[in-house]
Protein backbone atom coordinates (compact mmCIF):
# COMPACT_ATOMS: atom_id res chain seq x y z
CA UNK A 1 12.50 10.84 -3.04
CA UNK A 2 13.04 9.96 -6.70
CA UNK A 3 16.76 10.78 -6.34
CA UNK A 4 16.94 8.02 -3.75
CA UNK A 5 15.52 5.28 -5.99
CA UNK A 6 18.04 3.76 -8.41
CA UNK A 7 17.06 1.63 -11.41
CA UNK A 8 17.88 -1.49 -9.42
CA UNK A 9 15.85 -0.24 -6.45
CA UNK A 10 12.98 0.46 -8.82
CA UNK A 11 13.04 -3.17 -9.95
CA UNK A 12 13.09 -4.40 -6.33
CA UNK A 13 10.29 -2.01 -5.39
CA UNK A 14 8.21 -3.24 -8.34
CA UNK A 15 7.53 -6.32 -6.17
CA UNK A 16 5.98 -4.15 -3.45
CA UNK A 17 2.25 -4.78 -3.10
CA UNK A 18 1.34 -2.47 -0.24
CA UNK A 19 2.57 0.34 1.99
CA UNK A 20 1.15 0.98 5.45
CA UNK A 21 1.98 3.59 8.04
CA UNK A 22 0.97 3.16 11.66
CA UNK A 23 1.37 5.80 14.31
CA UNK A 24 1.23 5.31 18.05
CA UNK A 25 1.19 8.19 20.52
CA UNK A 26 1.62 6.30 23.82
CA UNK A 27 3.96 5.80 25.59
CA UNK A 28 6.06 7.58 22.92
CA UNK A 29 5.14 8.95 19.50
CA UNK A 30 6.19 6.23 17.07
CA UNK A 31 5.78 6.08 13.29
CA UNK A 32 6.06 2.62 11.73
CA UNK A 33 6.47 2.32 7.93
CA UNK A 34 5.64 -1.17 6.62
CA UNK A 35 6.40 -2.29 3.07
CA UNK A 36 4.72 -5.51 1.87
CA UNK A 37 6.26 -7.56 -0.95
CA UNK A 38 5.33 -10.53 -3.09
CA UNK A 39 7.94 -13.24 -3.79
CA UNK A 40 10.96 -11.78 -5.55
CA UNK A 41 14.52 -12.75 -6.55
CA UNK A 42 16.13 -10.21 -4.18
CA UNK A 43 15.03 -10.94 -0.60
CA UNK A 44 12.85 -13.34 1.33
CA UNK A 45 10.97 -10.94 3.63
CA UNK A 46 7.28 -10.52 2.90
CA UNK A 47 7.18 -7.41 5.11
CA UNK A 48 9.96 -5.00 6.02
CA UNK A 49 9.42 -2.33 8.64
CA UNK A 50 11.24 0.85 9.63
CA UNK A 51 10.32 2.64 12.83
CA UNK A 52 10.88 6.26 13.80
CA UNK A 53 10.59 8.01 17.12
CA UNK A 54 8.82 11.31 16.51
CA UNK A 55 9.15 14.50 18.50
CA UNK A 56 8.26 18.12 17.81
CA UNK A 57 11.25 18.80 15.57
CA UNK A 58 12.22 15.51 13.91
CA UNK A 59 11.78 11.88 13.00
CA UNK A 60 14.61 9.74 14.39
CA UNK A 61 15.11 6.20 13.06
CA UNK A 62 15.01 3.64 15.85
CA UNK A 63 14.64 0.21 14.24
CA UNK A 64 14.36 -1.54 10.89
CA UNK A 65 13.71 -5.14 9.92
CA UNK A 66 16.88 -6.99 8.87
CA UNK A 67 16.54 -7.82 5.18
CA UNK A 68 16.95 -11.51 4.44
CA UNK A 69 18.67 -11.36 1.05
CA UNK A 70 18.30 -14.28 -1.34
CA UNK A 71 21.48 -16.29 -1.74
CA UNK A 72 21.90 -15.27 -5.40
CA UNK A 73 21.71 -11.57 -4.49
CA UNK A 74 23.44 -11.51 -1.09
CA UNK A 75 26.93 -10.58 -2.38
CA UNK A 76 25.54 -7.76 -4.52
CA UNK A 77 23.47 -6.43 -1.61
CA UNK A 78 26.53 -6.41 0.64
CA UNK A 79 28.61 -4.64 -2.03
CA UNK A 80 25.94 -1.99 -2.62
CA UNK A 81 25.53 -1.39 1.09
CA UNK A 82 29.20 -1.23 2.10
CA UNK A 83 31.03 -0.05 -1.03
CA UNK A 84 28.50 2.38 -2.42
CA UNK A 85 28.29 5.77 -0.78
CA UNK A 86 25.58 6.84 -3.22
CA UNK A 87 21.94 7.20 -2.42
CA UNK A 88 19.70 4.20 -2.77
CA UNK A 89 16.47 3.08 -1.18
CA UNK A 90 17.85 0.10 0.69
CA UNK A 91 20.74 2.11 2.17
CA UNK A 92 18.09 4.46 3.58
CA UNK A 93 16.12 1.53 4.91
CA UNK A 94 19.03 -0.18 6.65
CA UNK A 95 21.13 2.79 7.79
CA UNK A 96 19.69 4.74 10.75
CA UNK A 97 22.26 7.51 10.28
CA UNK A 98 21.46 8.00 6.60
CA UNK A 99 21.48 11.70 5.68
CA UNK A 100 17.94 12.85 5.05
CA UNK A 101 16.38 9.79 6.66
CA UNK A 102 14.06 11.88 8.82
CA UNK A 103 12.85 13.88 5.79
CA UNK A 104 12.03 10.67 3.91
CA UNK A 105 10.06 9.38 6.91
CA UNK A 106 8.20 12.68 7.10
CA UNK A 107 7.28 12.49 3.39
CA UNK A 108 6.08 8.89 3.74
CA UNK A 109 4.15 9.42 6.98
CA UNK A 110 2.70 12.91 6.51
CA UNK A 111 2.31 13.27 2.75
CA UNK A 112 2.24 9.98 0.86
CA UNK A 113 0.31 7.94 3.42
CA UNK A 114 -2.25 10.62 4.28
CA UNK A 115 -2.86 11.92 0.75
CA UNK A 116 -1.55 9.52 -1.93
CA UNK A 117 -3.72 10.98 -4.71
CA UNK A 118 -1.55 14.10 -4.87
CA UNK A 119 1.18 11.90 -6.40
CA UNK A 120 -1.01 10.78 -9.30
CA UNK A 121 -1.30 13.32 -12.08
CA UNK A 122 -4.41 13.04 -14.19
CA UNK A 123 -4.22 14.78 -17.49
CA UNK A 124 -7.44 15.40 -19.41
CA UNK A 125 -7.39 15.92 -23.15
CA UNK A 126 -8.47 19.48 -24.05
CA UNK A 127 -11.54 18.30 -26.00
CA UNK A 128 -12.82 16.35 -22.96
CA UNK A 129 -12.64 19.46 -20.76
CA UNK A 130 -14.49 21.50 -23.40
CA UNK A 131 -17.23 18.88 -23.75
CA UNK A 132 -17.74 18.66 -19.98
CA UNK A 133 -17.85 22.43 -19.54
CA UNK A 134 -20.21 22.71 -22.53
CA UNK A 135 -22.59 20.15 -20.99
CA UNK A 136 -22.44 21.93 -17.66
CA UNK A 137 -23.43 25.22 -19.36
CA UNK A 138 -26.42 23.52 -21.05
CA UNK A 139 -27.54 22.01 -17.74
CA UNK A 140 -27.02 25.24 -15.77
């Protein structure tokens, strides 16, 4: 997904305070991705949502919240959306026919939401590992 997030998207997403995924199985299997934001200079929404219908083989985008762009950013948002064929996060969010959209939903719903710790790498200094294993040998 990192190829999808531009520097400008990264700044916008820095205002995100929470991510939630809800799944419903009845009457249809639906996956709802909700992104919560604090006040920011880009858009007015506090929550934006993208919904996917899920079947055995794919996630298919069905609805997304219209983004209410701030007046100072509205022209830039329109330009990026309509004149930029490149990948960016908000094109994925708004465009239901975006190439790879179902794969992004699958990553968010199945991987990131269910097991977010796999995306945090924790590096231990070599001396810390040695000290811990040394203590474990003395205790064992």
